[in-house]
Protein backbone atom coordinates (compact mmCIF):
# COMPACT_ATOMS: atom_id res chain seq x y z
CA MET A 1 -191.94 32.34 -151.34
CA THR A 2 -188.49 33.90 -150.94
CA THR A 3 -188.22 37.62 -151.58
CA PRO A 4 -185.30 39.16 -153.51
CA THR A 5 -184.01 40.90 -150.36
CA ARG A 6 -183.80 37.55 -148.58
CA LEU A 7 -181.86 36.06 -151.48
CA LEU A 8 -179.21 38.79 -151.54
CA PRO A 9 -177.21 37.55 -148.50
CA LEU A 10 -177.28 34.02 -149.91
CA LEU A 11 -176.07 35.22 -153.30
CA LEU A 12 -173.26 37.23 -151.70
CA LEU A 13 -172.22 34.26 -149.56
CA GLY A 14 -172.24 32.02 -152.60
CA SER A 15 -170.08 34.41 -154.61
CA LEU A 16 -167.52 34.65 -151.80
CA ALA A 17 -167.35 30.88 -151.49
CA GLY A 18 -166.89 30.60 -155.26
CA THR A 19 -163.99 33.04 -155.19
CA ALA A 20 -162.29 31.20 -152.36
CA ALA A 21 -162.80 27.83 -154.01
CA GLY A 22 -161.91 29.05 -157.50
CA ASP A 23 -158.76 30.96 -156.56
CA PRO A 24 -156.95 29.16 -153.73
CA LEU A 25 -154.15 30.58 -151.63
CA VAL A 26 -150.65 29.27 -152.27
CA VAL A 27 -147.34 29.84 -150.51
CA VAL A 28 -144.64 31.20 -152.80
CA VAL A 29 -140.99 32.20 -152.94
CA SER A 30 -139.00 33.93 -155.63
CA ALA A 31 -138.24 31.59 -158.54
CA GLN A 32 -134.56 32.38 -157.86
CA GLN A 33 -134.67 30.60 -154.48
CA ARG A 34 -133.52 27.00 -154.19
CA ILE A 35 -136.63 25.77 -152.38
CA GLU A 36 -138.83 23.36 -154.30
CA ARG A 37 -141.51 22.24 -151.79
CA LEU A 38 -142.50 22.79 -148.16
CA SER A 39 -144.89 20.82 -145.98
CA GLN A 40 -147.78 22.44 -144.11
CA GLU A 41 -145.78 21.90 -140.92
CA ASP A 42 -142.82 23.79 -142.44
CA VAL A 43 -145.06 26.68 -143.50
CA THR A 44 -146.70 26.77 -140.06
CA ASN A 45 -143.31 26.85 -138.33
CA ILE A 46 -142.04 29.63 -140.62
CA PHE A 47 -145.12 31.85 -140.28
CA LEU A 48 -145.39 31.29 -136.52
CA GLY A 49 -141.74 32.14 -135.93
CA ARG A 50 -140.57 28.68 -134.91
CA PHE A 51 -138.20 28.26 -137.88
CA ARG A 52 -135.82 31.14 -138.46
CA THR A 53 -134.15 29.65 -141.51
CA LEU A 54 -135.47 28.15 -144.71
CA PRO A 55 -134.40 24.70 -145.92
CA SER A 56 -132.07 26.51 -148.36
CA GLY A 57 -130.15 27.98 -145.40
CA LEU A 58 -131.31 31.57 -145.96
CA PRO A 59 -132.85 33.42 -143.01
CA ALA A 60 -136.64 33.06 -143.23
CA ALA A 61 -138.40 36.33 -144.04
CA PRO A 62 -142.15 35.61 -143.97
CA ILE A 63 -144.38 38.33 -145.37
CA ASP A 64 -147.98 38.88 -144.24
CA GLN A 65 -150.80 40.40 -146.24
CA PRO A 66 -152.25 43.67 -144.83
CA ALA A 67 -153.83 43.41 -141.36
CA ASN A 68 -157.42 43.74 -142.59
CA SER A 69 -156.99 41.56 -145.68
CA PRO A 70 -159.45 38.71 -146.16
CA LEU A 71 -156.49 36.75 -147.60
CA ARG A 72 -154.67 37.01 -144.28
CA ALA A 73 -157.73 35.75 -142.39
CA ALA A 74 -158.20 32.88 -144.85
CA PHE A 75 -154.51 31.93 -144.74
CA TYR A 76 -154.30 31.55 -140.96
CA GLN A 77 -157.68 29.83 -140.82
CA GLN A 78 -156.52 27.23 -143.35
CA LEU A 79 -153.00 26.95 -141.95
CA VAL A 80 -153.64 26.63 -138.21
CA ASN A 81 -157.42 26.93 -137.84
CA LYS A 82 -157.10 30.26 -135.99
CA ASP A 83 -158.75 33.59 -136.60
CA VAL A 84 -156.77 36.81 -136.98
CA ALA A 85 -157.48 37.90 -133.38
CA SER A 86 -155.93 34.66 -132.09
CA ILE A 87 -152.90 35.09 -134.35
CA ASN A 88 -152.46 38.70 -133.19
CA ALA A 89 -152.66 37.59 -129.54
CA TYR A 90 -150.10 34.84 -130.23
CA TRP A 91 -147.67 37.35 -131.72
CA SER A 92 -148.24 39.85 -128.91
CA ARG A 93 -147.19 37.24 -126.36
CA LEU A 94 -144.12 36.14 -128.32
CA HIS A 95 -143.03 39.64 -129.24
CA PHE A 96 -143.39 40.84 -125.64
CA SER A 97 -141.25 37.93 -124.41
CA GLY A 98 -138.62 38.68 -127.07
CA LYS A 99 -138.75 35.11 -128.42
CA ALA A 100 -139.70 35.88 -132.01
CA THR A 101 -140.72 38.60 -134.44
CA PRO A 102 -143.95 38.41 -136.44
CA PRO A 103 -143.93 38.24 -140.23
CA ARG A 104 -143.38 41.59 -141.92
CA GLN A 105 -146.77 43.23 -142.47
CA THR A 106 -147.41 44.88 -145.81
CA ASN A 107 -149.86 47.57 -146.84
CA SER A 108 -150.98 46.07 -150.16
CA ASP A 109 -150.87 43.03 -152.45
CA GLY A 110 -148.38 44.86 -154.66
CA GLU A 111 -146.07 45.42 -151.73
CA VAL A 112 -146.17 41.70 -150.90
CA LEU A 113 -144.87 40.90 -154.38
CA ARG A 114 -142.29 43.70 -154.34
CA GLN A 115 -140.82 42.52 -151.02
CA LEU A 116 -141.00 38.89 -152.04
CA LEU A 117 -138.94 39.54 -155.16
CA SER A 118 -136.42 41.89 -153.56
CA GLN A 119 -135.55 40.14 -150.29
CA PRO A 120 -133.52 36.91 -150.10
CA GLY A 121 -135.35 34.33 -147.98
CA ALA A 122 -138.73 35.99 -148.46
CA ILE A 123 -141.79 33.75 -148.40
CA ALA A 124 -145.42 34.83 -148.73
CA TYR A 125 -148.93 33.65 -149.51
CA VAL A 126 -150.92 34.94 -152.45
CA GLU A 127 -153.88 33.96 -154.57
CA ARG A 128 -152.91 31.43 -157.22
CA ARG A 129 -153.87 33.85 -160.01
CA GLN A 130 -151.03 36.16 -158.91
CA VAL A 131 -148.37 33.53 -159.56
CA ASP A 132 -146.24 34.11 -162.64
CA ALA A 133 -142.78 33.07 -163.85
CA ARG A 134 -141.11 35.20 -161.15
CA LEU A 135 -142.60 33.05 -158.38
CA ARG A 136 -142.43 29.40 -157.35
CA ILE A 137 -145.27 27.70 -155.48
CA VAL A 138 -143.76 25.78 -152.55
CA PHE A 139 -146.98 24.82 -150.78
CA GLU A 140 -150.63 24.36 -151.73
CA PHE A 141 -153.43 23.66 -149.31
CA PRO A 142 -155.21 20.34 -149.88
CA PRO A 143 -158.57 20.73 -151.64
């Protein structure tokens, strides 16, 4: 017989999986931008500093969620199958060599949206529930 204390971790794990499955991450730009869709390869190249311009011609300004955000960890895991430590090491190498600059790091979800709406060429990832008429989804991960 399973005791309630043994069930708690399973219940917590199940609720986290439900949240992730029920509210997927999407990549967005301001609705004012002229970008309609991006491929996963495009998004990867933008967020890993390989593309410095967007298809619209604007300089790419990728925006990262806060360093300790579970959204950030989930985004890079889904995008390139890497954990945050691997992504941080990748950026340390590139930044040290002067080849690229990492996405701008924010301190909160609200700051992600504020920067996204105020900076031309800004692109970010958010939970789908945060998308409203001010934003345009340009990439969705396959189910």
